[in-house]
Amino acid sequence: MKRTPIGVQYGGMKLFFLFLLATSAFAGDWQAVQRLPHDSKIKVTTRDGSRTRATFVSAAEEALVVRENSGVRSITRTNIRKVRVADPGRRTRNGFIWTAVGAGAGAGAALALCPYCPNEGHGYTFMVSAVAVGAGLGALTFLHEPYRTIYESK
């Protein structure tokens, strides 16, 4: 019997934790906020729980400057809990993915509902309606906000 070294045996788990650590490290990256293009649509959540939809103006090491409907506002970095930036391509991508997932789930539900229908000469009677309902429910994700988190402090 060949023995496998422990490092090789748990290599996948190590990669998973490394990936988890890397993604959590990038979520707290203030430089990502500083690199945002001027006039980007952002959402800022402060420590007291208030949320602001605004347009990005600039960011320094100690503050974030945004333009709201009421005017330009500076928010200190210590007061910011989360910064999210609009990514319209995210809405489209997720909408198509979840529409396909919904259609697949509808097809699976139709097959589970009547697995013997084709053998009895009825064909897939529920297939079209179940796929349509599933795709419609999946397409509702187009309504979801297209924001992604670029900064989060604990």
Protein backbone atom coordinates (compact mmCIF):
# COMPACT_ATOMS: atom_id res chain seq x y z
CA MET A 1 0.00 0.00 0.00
CA LYS A 2 1.43 3.32 -1.08
CA ARG A 3 1.33 6.09 1.50
CA THR A 4 0.43 9.59 0.40
CA PRO A 5 2.12 12.52 2.14
CA ILE A 6 -0.29 14.62 4.17
CA GLY A 7 0.56 17.74 2.16
CA VAL A 8 -0.51 16.07 -1.07
CA GLN A 9 -3.60 14.54 0.48
CA TYR A 10 -4.93 17.88 1.77
CA GLY A 11 -3.63 20.05 -1.08
CA GLY A 12 -7.11 20.92 -2.32
CA MET A 13 -8.14 22.08 1.12
CA LYS A 14 -5.06 24.27 1.35
CA LEU A 15 -5.88 25.88 -1.98
CA PHE A 16 -9.44 26.51 -0.82
CA PHE A 17 -8.28 28.28 2.34
CA LEU A 18 -5.70 30.26 0.37
CA PHE A 19 -8.43 31.38 -2.04
CA LEU A 20 -10.71 32.26 0.88
CA LEU A 21 -7.96 34.30 2.51
CA ALA A 22 -7.15 36.09 -0.75
CA THR A 23 -10.76 37.05 -1.45
CA SER A 24 -11.28 38.33 2.08
CA ALA A 25 -8.04 40.30 1.86
CA PHE A 26 -9.16 42.03 -1.35
CA ALA A 27 -12.50 42.97 0.21
CA GLY A 28 -10.63 45.30 2.62
CA ASP A 29 -8.42 46.90 -0.05
CA TRP A 30 -8.68 50.69 0.27
CA GLN A 31 -6.44 51.08 -2.81
CA ALA A 32 -9.28 49.59 -4.89
CA VAL A 33 -11.45 52.48 -3.73
CA GLN A 34 -8.73 54.97 -4.61
CA ARG A 35 -8.38 53.49 -8.11
CA LEU A 36 -12.07 53.91 -8.98
CA PRO A 37 -12.76 55.96 -12.10
CA HIS A 38 -14.18 59.44 -11.54
CA ASP A 39 -18.02 59.57 -11.68
CA SER A 40 -18.50 55.86 -10.84
CA LYS A 41 -21.81 55.02 -9.20
CA ILE A 42 -21.18 53.73 -5.68
CA LYS A 43 -22.99 52.80 -2.49
CA VAL A 44 -21.41 53.59 0.85
CA THR A 45 -22.54 51.99 4.10
CA THR A 46 -21.35 53.72 7.26
CA ARG A 47 -20.79 52.29 10.73
CA ASP A 48 -24.11 53.65 12.00
CA GLY A 49 -25.92 51.68 9.26
CA SER A 50 -26.87 54.54 6.96
CA ARG A 51 -26.51 53.91 3.23
CA THR A 52 -25.66 56.48 0.61
CA ARG A 53 -25.99 56.18 -3.16
CA ALA A 54 -23.61 58.64 -4.72
CA THR A 55 -21.13 59.37 -7.47
CA PHE A 56 -17.45 58.86 -6.71
CA VAL A 57 -15.34 62.03 -6.75
CA SER A 58 -12.06 61.05 -5.07
CA ALA A 59 -10.50 59.07 -2.25
CA ALA A 60 -7.49 59.79 -0.06
CA GLU A 61 -5.96 57.69 2.72
CA GLU A 62 -8.27 59.16 5.34
CA ALA A 63 -11.50 60.07 3.49
CA LEU A 64 -13.83 59.38 0.58
CA VAL A 65 -15.41 62.28 -1.32
CA VAL A 66 -18.75 61.61 -3.01
CA ARG A 67 -21.34 63.68 -4.85
CA GLU A 68 -24.92 63.22 -3.70
CA ASN A 69 -28.09 64.97 -4.84
CA SER A 70 -27.66 67.43 -1.98
CA GLY A 71 -24.03 68.23 -2.83
CA VAL A 72 -20.47 67.04 -2.30
CA ARG A 73 -19.78 65.15 0.93
CA SER A 74 -16.65 63.77 2.57
CA ILE A 75 -16.87 60.55 4.59
CA THR A 76 -13.97 59.56 6.82
CA ARG A 77 -12.47 56.15 6.20
CA THR A 78 -12.92 55.13 9.84
CA ASN A 79 -16.65 55.74 9.49
CA ILE A 80 -17.01 53.57 6.35
CA ARG A 81 -18.09 49.96 6.75
CA LYS A 82 -18.60 49.00 3.08
CA VAL A 83 -18.11 50.47 -0.39
CA ARG A 84 -19.88 48.90 -3.35
CA VAL A 85 -19.44 49.91 -7.00
CA ALA A 86 -21.95 49.50 -9.83
CA ASP A 87 -21.05 46.85 -12.39
CA PRO A 88 -23.82 46.68 -15.06
CA GLY A 89 -22.25 43.67 -16.80
CA ARG A 90 -22.74 41.73 -13.58
CA ARG A 91 -26.52 42.12 -13.83
CA THR A 92 -26.60 40.78 -17.39
CA ARG A 93 -24.25 37.88 -16.69
CA ASN A 94 -26.08 36.79 -13.53
CA GLY A 95 -29.46 37.21 -15.23
CA PHE A 96 -28.53 34.88 -18.08
CA ILE A 97 -26.96 32.34 -15.74
CA TRP A 98 -29.98 32.20 -13.44
CA THR A 99 -32.40 32.11 -16.37
CA ALA A 100 -30.61 28.98 -17.61
CA VAL A 101 -30.57 27.50 -14.10
CA GLY A 102 -34.30 28.20 -13.73
CA ALA A 103 -35.06 26.58 -17.09
CA GLY A 104 -33.03 23.52 -16.09
CA ALA A 105 -34.80 23.33 -12.75
CA GLY A 106 -38.16 23.59 -14.55
CA ALA A 107 -37.17 20.77 -16.90
CA GLY A 108 -36.07 18.65 -13.94
CA ALA A 109 -39.33 19.35 -12.13
CA ALA A 110 -41.34 18.36 -15.23
CA LEU A 111 -39.43 15.08 -15.51
CA ALA A 112 -39.92 14.40 -11.81
CA LEU A 113 -43.62 15.26 -12.00
CA CYS A 114 -44.39 12.79 -14.76
CA PRO A 115 -41.49 10.43 -15.49
CA TYR A 116 -43.67 7.93 -17.35
CA CYS A 117 -45.55 10.37 -19.59
CA PRO A 118 -43.41 9.70 -22.72
CA ASN A 119 -43.89 5.95 -22.29
CA GLU A 120 -47.64 6.38 -22.10
CA GLY A 121 -47.84 8.34 -25.35
CA HIS A 122 -48.37 11.75 -23.75
CA GLY A 123 -44.91 13.11 -24.49
CA TYR A 124 -43.50 15.69 -22.14
CA THR A 125 -46.79 17.42 -21.38
CA PHE A 126 -45.52 19.58 -18.55
CA MET A 127 -42.09 20.29 -20.00
CA VAL A 128 -42.76 23.53 -21.89
CA SER A 129 -44.75 25.18 -19.12
CA ALA A 130 -42.33 24.07 -16.39
CA VAL A 131 -39.30 25.31 -18.35
CA ALA A 132 -41.06 28.63 -19.01
CA VAL A 133 -41.94 29.10 -15.34
CA GLY A 134 -38.44 28.16 -14.21
CA ALA A 135 -36.80 30.47 -16.75
CA GLY A 136 -39.15 33.27 -15.73
CA LEU A 137 -38.27 32.86 -12.07
CA GLY A 138 -34.59 32.76 -12.93
CA ALA A 139 -34.93 35.89 -15.06
CA LEU A 140 -36.08 37.80 -12.00
CA THR A 141 -32.41 38.10 -11.09
CA PHE A 142 -32.16 40.80 -13.77
CA LEU A 143 -33.92 42.96 -11.16
CA HIS A 144 -31.15 42.42 -8.61
CA GLU A 145 -28.74 45.28 -7.96
CA PRO A 146 -25.57 45.12 -10.04
CA TYR A 147 -23.24 46.26 -7.25
CA ARG A 148 -20.11 44.45 -6.11
CA THR A 149 -18.24 45.05 -2.87
CA ILE A 150 -14.75 46.46 -3.28
CA TYR A 151 -14.05 47.54 0.31
CA GLU A 152 -15.32 46.21 3.62
CA SER A 153 -13.92 46.88 7.06
CA LYS A 154 -14.78 44.81 10.08
